[in-house]
Protein backbone atom coordinates (compact mmCIF):
# COMPACT_ATOMS: atom_id res chain seq x y z
CA MET A 1 0.00 0.00 0.00
CA LYS A 2 2.80 2.37 0.99
CA ASN A 3 4.61 1.54 -2.27
CA ASN A 4 1.50 2.38 -4.31
CA ILE A 5 1.11 5.73 -2.50
CA LEU A 6 4.79 6.51 -3.06
CA LYS A 7 4.46 5.71 -6.78
CA LEU A 8 1.39 7.96 -7.02
CA ILE A 9 3.23 10.85 -5.31
CA LEU A 10 6.26 10.41 -7.59
CA GLY A 11 3.98 10.31 -10.62
CA LEU A 12 2.27 13.55 -9.61
CA ILE A 13 5.62 15.22 -9.03
CA LEU A 14 6.81 14.09 -12.49
CA MET A 15 3.63 15.39 -14.13
CA ALA A 16 4.08 18.73 -12.36
CA MET A 17 7.65 18.96 -13.60
CA VAL A 18 6.62 18.21 -17.20
CA THR A 19 3.84 20.80 -17.00
CA ALA A 20 6.21 23.39 -15.56
CA CYS A 21 8.71 22.73 -18.32
CA GLY A 22 5.96 23.10 -20.90
CA GLU A 23 4.88 26.41 -19.40
CA LYS A 24 8.45 27.65 -19.33
CA LYS A 25 8.88 26.78 -22.99
CA THR A 26 5.75 28.72 -23.91
CA THR A 27 7.01 31.73 -21.98
CA GLU A 28 10.36 31.56 -23.77
CA THR A 29 8.90 31.34 -27.29
CA GLU A 30 5.98 33.78 -26.95
CA VAL A 31 6.39 37.21 -25.40
CA ARG A 32 3.70 39.89 -25.34
CA LYS A 33 4.76 43.50 -26.06
CA GLY A 34 1.83 45.91 -26.27
CA ASN A 35 -0.17 45.21 -29.43
CA TYR A 36 2.11 42.44 -30.70
CA ARG A 37 3.61 39.13 -29.63
CA ILE A 38 7.04 37.73 -30.35
CA VAL A 39 6.50 34.14 -31.44
CA ASP A 40 9.55 32.04 -32.33
CA ASN A 41 11.59 35.20 -33.01
CA THR A 42 8.92 36.72 -35.27
CA ILE A 43 6.83 39.78 -34.39
CA VAL A 44 3.11 39.08 -34.82
CA PHE A 45 0.69 41.98 -34.48
CA ASP A 46 -2.89 41.52 -33.32
CA GLU A 47 -5.40 41.27 -36.20
CA PRO A 48 -9.04 42.01 -35.36
CA GLN A 49 -11.73 39.82 -36.83
CA ARG A 50 -14.33 41.19 -39.23
CA ILE A 51 -17.48 41.80 -37.22
CA GLU A 52 -20.84 40.37 -38.23
CA GLY A 53 -22.53 42.39 -40.97
CA GLN A 54 -19.28 44.01 -42.12
CA LYS A 55 -18.56 43.28 -45.80
CA SER A 56 -15.40 43.29 -47.86
CA VAL A 57 -14.87 46.20 -50.27
CA LEU A 58 -12.51 44.33 -52.59
CA GLN A 59 -13.38 45.46 -56.15
CA PHE A 60 -16.00 47.70 -54.55
CA THR A 61 -18.21 49.87 -56.76
CA VAL A 62 -21.03 52.34 -56.26
CA ASP A 63 -23.59 53.69 -58.69
CA PRO A 64 -22.12 56.18 -61.19
CA ILE A 65 -21.92 59.75 -59.87
CA GLU A 66 -22.60 62.08 -62.79
CA ASN A 67 -21.31 65.18 -61.02
CA VAL A 68 -18.82 64.62 -58.21
CA ARG A 69 -19.29 67.24 -55.49
CA ILE A 70 -16.11 67.71 -53.49
CA GLY A 71 -15.21 69.20 -50.14
CA PHE A 72 -11.51 69.92 -49.55
CA ILE A 73 -9.91 69.89 -46.11
CA GLY A 74 -6.42 71.36 -45.79
CA LEU A 75 -5.27 74.23 -48.00
CA GLY A 76 -1.62 74.49 -47.03
CA MET A 77 1.15 72.88 -49.07
CA ARG A 78 -0.89 70.52 -51.28
CA GLY A 79 -4.54 71.46 -50.99
CA PRO A 80 -4.64 74.52 -53.29
CA ASP A 81 -3.04 72.59 -56.16
CA ALA A 82 -5.57 69.80 -55.68
CA VAL A 83 -8.45 72.27 -55.93
CA ASP A 84 -6.91 73.81 -59.05
CA ARG A 85 -6.44 70.43 -60.76
CA MET A 86 -10.04 69.44 -60.14
CA THR A 87 -11.26 72.55 -61.96
CA TYR A 88 -9.84 71.08 -65.18
CA ILE A 89 -12.01 67.96 -64.94
CA ASP A 90 -15.57 67.96 -66.29
CA GLY A 91 -18.32 66.75 -63.99
CA VAL A 92 -16.76 68.13 -60.80
CA THR A 93 -18.07 70.83 -58.45
CA VAL A 94 -16.01 72.35 -55.66
CA VAL A 95 -18.67 72.63 -52.94
CA ALA A 96 -16.71 73.45 -49.78
CA LEU A 97 -13.25 74.46 -48.56
CA CYS A 98 -11.77 74.13 -45.10
CA ASP A 99 -8.53 75.13 -43.40
CA ILE A 100 -7.50 76.14 -39.91
CA GLU A 101 -6.40 79.53 -41.27
CA PRO A 102 -9.16 81.70 -42.84
CA ASP A 103 -6.72 83.47 -45.17
CA ARG A 104 -5.86 80.19 -46.87
CA VAL A 105 -9.51 79.54 -47.65
CA GLU A 106 -9.92 83.04 -49.01
CA ALA A 107 -6.78 82.70 -51.15
CA VAL A 108 -8.21 79.61 -52.89
CA GLN A 109 -11.58 81.31 -53.36
CA THR A 110 -9.96 84.36 -54.95
CA ASN A 111 -6.95 82.99 -56.80
CA ILE A 112 -8.48 79.78 -58.12
CA LEU A 113 -12.28 79.67 -58.12
CA GLU A 114 -13.13 83.32 -58.81
CA LYS A 115 -10.22 83.71 -61.20
CA LYS A 116 -11.68 80.90 -63.30
CA GLY A 117 -15.20 82.26 -63.14
CA LEU A 118 -16.40 79.54 -60.79
CA PRO A 119 -18.74 80.07 -57.83
CA ARG A 120 -17.22 80.59 -54.41
CA ALA A 121 -17.38 77.50 -52.23
CA ALA A 122 -18.78 77.25 -48.72
CA ALA A 123 -16.00 78.20 -46.31
CA TYR A 124 -15.07 76.51 -43.02
CA THR A 125 -12.21 77.51 -40.74
CA GLY A 126 -10.68 76.69 -37.38
CA ARG A 127 -9.59 73.35 -35.97
CA GLU A 128 -13.12 71.92 -35.84
CA GLY A 129 -14.48 73.42 -39.07
CA TRP A 130 -13.91 70.18 -40.98
CA LYS A 131 -16.63 68.46 -38.93
CA GLU A 132 -19.22 70.85 -40.32
CA LEU A 133 -17.94 70.27 -43.85
CA VAL A 134 -18.21 66.47 -43.71
CA ALA A 135 -21.72 66.72 -42.22
CA ARG A 136 -23.09 68.51 -45.31
CA ASP A 137 -25.56 66.54 -47.40
CA ASP A 138 -24.39 67.93 -50.75
CA ILE A 139 -20.88 66.41 -50.85
CA ASP A 140 -19.95 63.10 -52.49
CA LEU A 141 -16.19 63.12 -51.92
CA VAL A 142 -14.03 64.54 -49.13
CA TYR A 143 -10.48 65.28 -50.28
CA ILE A 144 -8.04 65.44 -47.32
CA CYS A 145 -4.70 67.27 -47.58
CA THR A 146 -3.86 67.82 -43.92
CA ASP A 147 -1.05 66.70 -41.61
CA TRP A 148 -0.66 62.95 -41.10
CA LYS A 149 -2.08 62.95 -37.56
CA THR A 150 -5.51 64.12 -38.72
CA HIS A 151 -5.90 61.86 -41.76
CA VAL A 152 -7.69 58.99 -40.05
CA PRO A 153 -10.08 60.97 -37.79
CA MET A 154 -11.20 63.03 -40.80
CA ALA A 155 -11.45 60.03 -43.15
CA VAL A 156 -13.37 57.93 -40.63
CA GLU A 157 -15.89 60.66 -39.82
CA SER A 158 -16.35 61.45 -43.52
CA MET A 159 -17.20 57.82 -44.31
CA ARG A 160 -19.56 57.64 -41.34
CA GLN A 161 -21.28 60.70 -42.76
CA GLY A 162 -21.79 58.83 -46.03
CA LYS A 163 -18.95 60.39 -48.03
CA HIS A 164 -16.28 58.77 -50.15
CA VAL A 165 -12.74 59.72 -49.14
CA ALA A 166 -9.50 60.59 -50.88
CA VAL A 167 -6.70 61.10 -48.36
CA GLU A 168 -3.10 62.17 -48.76
CA VAL A 169 -0.14 59.89 -48.00
CA PRO A 170 0.38 58.13 -45.71
CA ALA A 171 -3.28 57.42 -45.07
CA ALA A 172 -2.56 56.26 -41.51
CA THR A 173 0.30 56.41 -39.02
CA SER A 174 -0.28 53.28 -36.94
CA LEU A 175 -1.60 49.76 -37.32
CA GLU A 176 -4.65 50.65 -35.23
CA GLU A 177 -5.43 53.50 -37.64
CA CYS A 178 -4.99 51.21 -40.64
CA TRP A 179 -7.54 48.79 -39.23
CA GLN A 180 -9.87 51.71 -38.49
CA LEU A 181 -9.84 52.76 -42.14
CA VAL A 182 -10.48 49.21 -43.32
CA ASP A 183 -13.26 48.53 -40.82
CA VAL A 184 -15.11 51.80 -41.36
CA ALA A 185 -14.87 51.50 -45.16
CA GLU A 186 -16.34 48.00 -44.89
CA GLN A 187 -19.02 49.05 -42.40
CA THR A 188 -20.14 52.10 -44.36
CA GLN A 189 -19.48 50.64 -47.83
CA ARG A 190 -17.66 53.79 -48.92
CA HIS A 191 -14.56 54.28 -51.03
CA CYS A 192 -11.37 55.24 -49.21
CA MET A 193 -8.49 55.94 -51.59
CA MET A 194 -5.03 57.03 -50.57
CA LEU A 195 -3.68 59.65 -52.97
CA GLU A 196 -0.45 57.89 -53.97
CA ASN A 197 0.51 59.98 -56.97
CA CYS A 198 3.71 58.08 -57.85
CA CYS A 199 1.58 55.22 -59.18
CA TYR A 200 0.69 57.62 -62.01
CA ASP A 201 4.19 58.73 -62.96
CA PHE A 202 4.54 58.10 -66.70
CA PHE A 203 7.59 55.86 -66.33
CA GLU A 204 5.93 53.77 -63.62
CA LEU A 205 2.78 53.42 -65.71
CA THR A 206 4.79 52.37 -68.77
CA ALA A 207 6.86 49.85 -66.80
CA LEU A 208 3.67 48.45 -65.25
CA ASN A 209 2.16 48.03 -68.71
CA MET A 210 5.31 46.27 -69.90
CA ALA A 211 5.31 43.97 -66.86
CA GLN A 212 1.66 43.09 -67.42
CA GLN A 213 2.46 42.22 -71.04
CA GLY A 214 5.29 39.94 -69.92
CA LEU A 215 8.30 41.85 -71.25
CA PHE A 216 10.25 41.32 -68.03
CA GLY A 217 9.25 37.67 -67.66
CA GLU A 218 8.31 36.73 -64.09
CA LEU A 219 8.86 39.62 -61.71
CA ILE A 220 10.97 38.48 -58.76
CA HIS A 221 12.31 41.65 -57.09
CA GLY A 222 11.47 45.34 -56.85
CA GLU A 223 13.05 48.38 -55.24
CA GLY A 224 11.49 51.67 -54.19
CA ALA A 225 12.43 54.60 -51.99
CA TYR A 226 11.78 58.07 -50.74
CA ILE A 227 15.19 59.74 -50.71
CA HIS A 228 14.62 63.48 -50.55
CA ASN A 229 16.56 65.90 -48.37
CA LEU A 230 13.83 68.01 -46.77
CA GLU A 231 16.18 70.55 -45.22
CA PRO A 232 14.84 73.39 -47.44
CA PHE A 233 11.24 72.52 -46.51
CA TRP A 234 11.14 71.75 -42.77
CA HIS A 235 10.10 75.32 -41.94
CA GLU A 236 7.10 75.11 -44.29
CA TYR A 237 5.17 72.44 -42.37
CA TYR A 238 2.39 74.03 -40.34
CA GLU A 239 3.31 74.19 -36.65
CA ASN A 240 6.32 71.97 -37.42
CA TRP A 241 4.11 68.87 -37.53
CA ARG A 242 6.33 66.74 -39.77
CA LEU A 243 9.64 67.15 -37.97
CA GLU A 244 7.85 66.67 -34.66
CA PHE A 245 6.32 63.43 -35.93
CA ASN A 246 9.71 62.15 -37.08
CA GLN A 247 11.25 63.12 -33.77
CA ASN A 248 8.84 60.76 -32.01
CA HIS A 249 8.73 57.85 -34.48
CA SER A 250 11.41 55.53 -35.78
CA GLY A 251 11.06 53.37 -38.88
CA ASP A 252 9.96 54.15 -42.41
CA VAL A 253 7.32 56.78 -41.69
CA TYR A 254 6.85 57.70 -45.37
CA PRO A 255 6.99 54.49 -47.42
CA THR A 256 4.20 54.80 -49.94
CA HIS A 257 5.91 56.64 -52.82
CA GLY A 258 8.36 53.80 -53.28
CA LEU A 259 6.10 50.94 -52.21
CA GLY A 260 2.83 51.76 -53.99
CA PRO A 261 3.95 51.32 -57.61
CA LEU A 262 5.76 48.10 -56.70
CA CYS A 263 2.66 46.64 -55.06
CA GLN A 264 0.68 47.21 -58.23
CA ALA A 265 3.35 45.53 -60.36
CA PHE A 266 3.54 42.60 -57.92
CA ASN A 267 -0.26 42.17 -57.71
CA ILE A 268 -0.42 42.68 -53.96
CA HIS A 269 -3.77 41.46 -52.60
CA ARG A 270 -4.60 40.55 -56.18
CA GLY A 271 -2.93 37.15 -56.25
CA ASP A 272 -0.02 37.74 -53.86
CA ARG A 273 0.48 39.47 -50.53
CA MET A 274 3.27 41.00 -48.48
CA LYS A 275 4.04 38.37 -45.86
CA THR A 276 7.17 39.32 -43.88
CA LEU A 277 9.41 42.34 -43.44
CA VAL A 278 12.74 43.03 -41.80
CA SER A 279 13.90 46.60 -41.17
CA MET A 280 17.05 48.31 -39.96
CA GLY A 281 17.79 51.96 -39.26
CA THR A 282 20.91 54.01 -38.73
CA PRO A 283 21.31 56.34 -35.78
CA SER A 284 20.06 59.89 -36.25
CA TYR A 285 22.79 62.37 -37.06
CA ASN A 286 21.37 64.99 -39.42
CA GLY A 287 17.82 64.60 -38.15
CA LYS A 288 18.96 65.14 -34.57
CA LYS A 289 20.95 68.19 -35.64
CA ILE A 290 17.94 69.75 -37.40
CA ALA A 291 15.67 68.99 -34.43
CA LYS A 292 18.15 70.63 -32.07
CA GLU A 293 18.19 73.77 -34.20
CA MET A 294 14.42 73.98 -34.72
CA MET A 295 12.99 72.40 -31.56
CA ASN A 296 15.82 72.58 -29.02
CA VAL A 297 15.54 68.84 -28.30
CA ASP A 298 18.30 66.29 -27.91
CA ASP A 299 16.44 63.09 -28.77
CA PHE A 300 15.33 62.10 -32.28
CA ALA A 301 13.80 58.68 -32.96
CA ASN A 302 13.89 58.57 -36.76
CA GLY A 303 17.16 57.26 -38.16
CA ASP A 304 18.78 59.13 -41.03
CA MET A 305 18.45 56.02 -43.20
CA THR A 306 15.89 53.23 -42.90
CA THR A 307 16.13 50.10 -45.04
CA THR A 308 13.38 47.48 -45.25
CA MET A 309 13.19 44.12 -46.99
CA ILE A 310 9.78 42.57 -47.70
CA GLN A 311 9.00 39.04 -48.87
CA THR A 312 5.68 38.11 -50.41
CA GLU A 313 3.62 34.95 -50.03
CA LYS A 314 5.03 33.76 -53.37
CA GLY A 315 8.62 34.46 -52.33
CA LYS A 316 9.14 37.68 -54.30
CA THR A 317 11.18 40.41 -52.59
CA MET A 318 11.02 44.20 -52.32
CA LEU A 319 13.56 46.69 -50.95
CA ILE A 320 12.22 49.97 -49.55
CA GLU A 321 14.38 52.89 -48.37
CA HIS A 322 13.66 56.13 -46.49
CA ASP A 323 16.04 59.08 -46.09
CA VAL A 324 14.90 62.69 -45.77
CA TYR A 325 18.00 64.00 -44.02
CA THR A 326 21.22 63.42 -45.98
CA TYR A 327 22.71 65.22 -48.96
CA ARG A 328 21.80 62.94 -51.85
CA PRO A 329 20.06 63.42 -55.20
CA TYR A 330 16.29 62.94 -55.11
CA ASN A 331 15.58 59.25 -55.69
CA ARG A 332 12.54 56.95 -55.62
CA LEU A 333 14.60 54.06 -57.07
CA TYR A 334 11.71 52.26 -58.79
CA GLN A 335 13.29 49.10 -60.11
CA LEU A 336 11.59 46.00 -61.44
CA THR A 337 13.70 42.87 -61.85
CA GLY A 338 12.24 39.99 -63.82
CA THR A 339 13.53 36.70 -65.13
CA GLU A 340 13.83 38.22 -68.61
CA GLY A 341 14.17 41.96 -68.15
CA PHE A 342 14.74 44.96 -65.93
CA ALA A 343 13.31 48.50 -65.52
CA ASN A 344 15.01 51.34 -63.67
CA LYS A 345 13.89 54.94 -63.11
CA TYR A 346 16.52 56.58 -60.89
CA PRO A 347 19.09 57.90 -61.43
CA THR A 348 18.88 56.77 -65.08
CA GLU A 349 15.66 55.79 -66.84
CA GLY A 350 16.24 52.62 -68.76
CA PHE A 351 15.36 49.04 -69.59
CA THR A 352 17.31 45.84 -70.09
CA LEU A 353 15.40 43.45 -72.34
CA LEU A 354 15.82 40.32 -74.40
CA GLU A 355 15.42 41.00 -78.11
CA GLU A 356 12.86 38.24 -78.54
CA LYS A 357 10.51 39.96 -76.07
CA LEU A 358 10.04 42.89 -78.46
CA PRO A 359 7.63 42.76 -81.42
CA ALA A 360 8.99 41.55 -84.74
CA GLY A 361 10.62 44.39 -86.66
CA PHE A 362 10.84 46.63 -83.59
CA LEU A 363 14.62 46.93 -83.90
CA PRO A 364 16.32 48.10 -87.10
CA GLU A 365 17.76 45.26 -89.13
CA GLY A 366 21.13 44.24 -87.78
CA GLN A 367 20.71 45.93 -84.39
CA HIS A 368 21.06 43.76 -81.32
CA LEU A 369 20.53 44.40 -77.61
CA ASN A 370 23.12 43.80 -74.93
CA PRO A 371 21.49 41.79 -72.12
CA HIS A 372 24.07 43.22 -69.70
CA ALA A 373 23.30 46.90 -70.35
CA PHE A 374 20.46 49.34 -70.81
CA VAL A 375 18.97 49.45 -74.28
CA PRO A 376 20.26 52.40 -76.34
CA ALA A 377 18.51 55.75 -75.75
CA GLU A 378 16.69 55.69 -79.09
CA VAL A 379 15.35 52.19 -78.36
CA ARG A 380 14.30 53.25 -74.87
CA ASP A 381 12.38 56.22 -76.29
CA LYS A 382 10.68 53.96 -78.82
CA ILE A 383 9.74 51.52 -76.05
CA MET A 384 8.28 54.37 -73.98
CA LYS A 385 6.01 55.25 -76.92
CA GLU A 386 5.15 51.69 -77.89
CA TYR A 387 4.21 50.65 -74.35
CA LEU A 388 2.79 53.92 -73.09
CA HIS A 389 0.05 52.95 -70.67
CA PRO A 390 -3.48 53.32 -72.11
CA ILE A 391 -4.30 55.80 -69.32
CA ALA A 392 -1.33 57.95 -70.34
CA VAL A 393 -2.30 57.70 -74.01
CA GLU A 394 -5.70 59.09 -73.05
CA ILE A 395 -4.64 61.94 -70.77
CA GLU A 396 -0.85 62.57 -70.99
CA GLU A 397 -0.98 65.78 -73.00
CA LYS A 398 -3.54 67.44 -70.75
CA ALA A 399 -1.83 66.14 -67.62
CA LYS A 400 1.47 67.73 -68.56
CA GLU A 401 -0.33 70.97 -69.36
CA VAL A 402 -2.14 71.08 -66.01
CA GLY A 403 0.92 69.86 -64.09
CA GLY A 404 1.40 68.56 -60.58
CA HIS A 405 4.73 66.73 -60.23
CA GLY A 406 5.08 66.57 -63.99
CA GLY A 407 1.43 65.66 -64.55
CA MET A 408 1.10 62.55 -62.41
CA ASP A 409 -1.02 64.36 -59.81
CA PHE A 410 -3.54 65.28 -62.47
CA VAL A 411 -3.64 61.71 -63.81
CA MET A 412 -4.37 60.54 -60.26
CA ASP A 413 -7.27 62.97 -59.84
CA TYR A 414 -8.56 62.26 -63.33
CA ARG A 415 -8.65 58.52 -62.64
CA LEU A 416 -10.38 59.03 -59.30
CA ILE A 417 -13.15 61.06 -60.89
CA TYR A 418 -13.36 58.80 -63.96
CA CYS A 419 -13.98 55.77 -61.77
CA LEU A 420 -16.64 57.61 -59.72
CA HIS A 421 -18.30 58.89 -62.89
CA ASN A 422 -18.48 55.37 -64.31
CA GLY A 423 -19.20 53.33 -61.20
CA LEU A 424 -15.88 51.45 -61.38
CA PRO A 425 -13.54 50.11 -58.68
CA LEU A 426 -10.96 52.75 -57.78
CA ASP A 427 -7.32 52.21 -58.80
CA GLN A 428 -6.33 52.13 -55.12
CA ASP A 429 -8.65 50.70 -52.49
CA VAL A 430 -8.65 50.91 -48.71
CA TYR A 431 -6.59 47.72 -48.44
CA ASP A 432 -3.85 49.39 -50.49
CA ALA A 433 -4.02 52.38 -48.15
CA ALA A 434 -3.60 50.14 -45.11
CA GLU A 435 -0.95 47.84 -46.59
CA TRP A 436 1.25 50.68 -47.82
CA SER A 437 0.83 52.85 -44.71
CA CYS A 438 1.33 50.13 -42.08
CA LEU A 439 5.07 49.98 -42.73
CA GLY A 440 5.55 52.86 -40.31
CA GLU A 441 4.72 50.92 -37.15
CA LEU A 442 5.89 47.55 -38.48
CA THR A 443 9.36 48.79 -39.40
CA ALA A 444 9.67 50.57 -36.05
CA ALA A 445 8.90 47.30 -34.25
CA SER A 446 11.46 45.41 -36.31
CA ILE A 447 14.14 48.03 -35.62
CA ALA A 448 13.33 48.11 -31.90
CA ASN A 449 13.89 44.35 -31.75
CA GLY A 450 17.21 44.27 -33.58
CA GLY A 451 15.90 43.75 -37.10
CA MET A 452 13.53 40.95 -36.10
CA PRO A 453 11.15 39.66 -38.82
CA VAL A 454 7.59 41.01 -38.68
CA GLN A 455 4.58 39.09 -39.91
CA MET A 456 2.61 41.54 -42.04
CA PRO A 457 -1.14 41.77 -41.40
CA ASP A 458 -3.66 40.64 -44.00
CA PHE A 459 -6.06 43.56 -44.15
CA THR A 460 -8.26 41.69 -46.66
CA ARG A 461 -8.80 39.00 -44.02
CA GLY A 462 -8.11 36.11 -46.38
CA ASP A 463 -9.35 37.64 -49.64
CA TRP A 464 -5.90 38.51 -51.04
CA ASN A 465 -6.04 35.70 -53.62
CA LYS A 466 -9.58 36.22 -54.91
CA VAL A 467 -8.60 38.71 -57.63
CA GLN A 468 -5.88 37.50 -60.00
CA GLY A 469 -3.70 40.34 -61.24
CA TYR A 470 -3.82 44.11 -60.78
CA ARG A 471 -5.63 46.03 -63.52
CA HIS A 472 -6.98 49.55 -63.90
CA ALA A 473 -10.73 49.38 -64.39
CA LYS A 474 -11.95 50.52 -67.81
């Protein structure tokens, strides 16, 4: 009897030891840090479930809007040009204008609307004036050109008031804000487009068209960046909002100019998805120096250079860089590497192609291409004409006349209105806005944990493979 009791006690002790070891192992391999866990040396952020009654807006359309009535919020650095561009598009009415500063509203009324013989718009001013604008019942689209911190509150309230939204880049500054945009767009069934103009640069459009026609073979790698020394511009940001944001946030806080065009070429959430990223950042030298001069602070979170590698579900890779502090030529990189060709925008626009990928008779008799070099300039120019994107064929001349970063801003606005006029899916949906904007917080988490891999959220909640291939709606 005593032996049986002793065996039972020993068995219980052994079970307790095994359980304790199991618990210890779980603690070692899964660590909670705020809104993410570290699981087997990978950062995994929380992903909220879609609530009952909330519907996907993948390939979302609404009934055609014959005349798009627009309210603009933010008339500082970008807003006035946006208002001006819209006056060149038929079937658009500027209904309302809003800015914190009354003189900015008046300047747009006088120098743009009245100068063109258009009616003055309803005017809203002050820090809360935008709430009155979005509550109006005669606006279809709210166009937001404010500082990054106010993008999501304004976009969310606009959608809840029944309006479609176009919001400047980045659309959101945190993962929580990204999910807010997605959830409210799905709940209200409203469009929410981030205004990523670089997707409409003529070189990017041409390279996208070439990729979609198979000239580069299978795309396997892309590179994009925002390398732009902002030293001449820091003083122009209202109440120093941009430098202050960078002072408090590490990581790639402005990724969308380089990332957006790549995501379209790589069919992100249209047959593939960004799965994992790893990011590293340098210390802050120039940024800290500027902040000391302008803000009298000693700490500065944003590194002078941030480098991020992304791998997709299908194993493709993307390199994204951010540097707004050092003395370098402006550069968005934009490179597409395929199994049979290559496109490069900065610092030299060019293509490397196999001869057999070009149409018969495209090259003069006897001319051959070097697969280890860019095609000659005259061949490149001919390629740019031959594969000019259909959107550019339609609107390039007018876009260059109206302007806006060489015309790409106008193409962006034109496509937004065209899709609303015709009841088509927008070129960029709310999932694009979230996917491209979320790099800010994700890269910061990777950097904070020594370049640890981060599992990227699936904002489509499993729908990333339902649409096969990115295409502009016709």
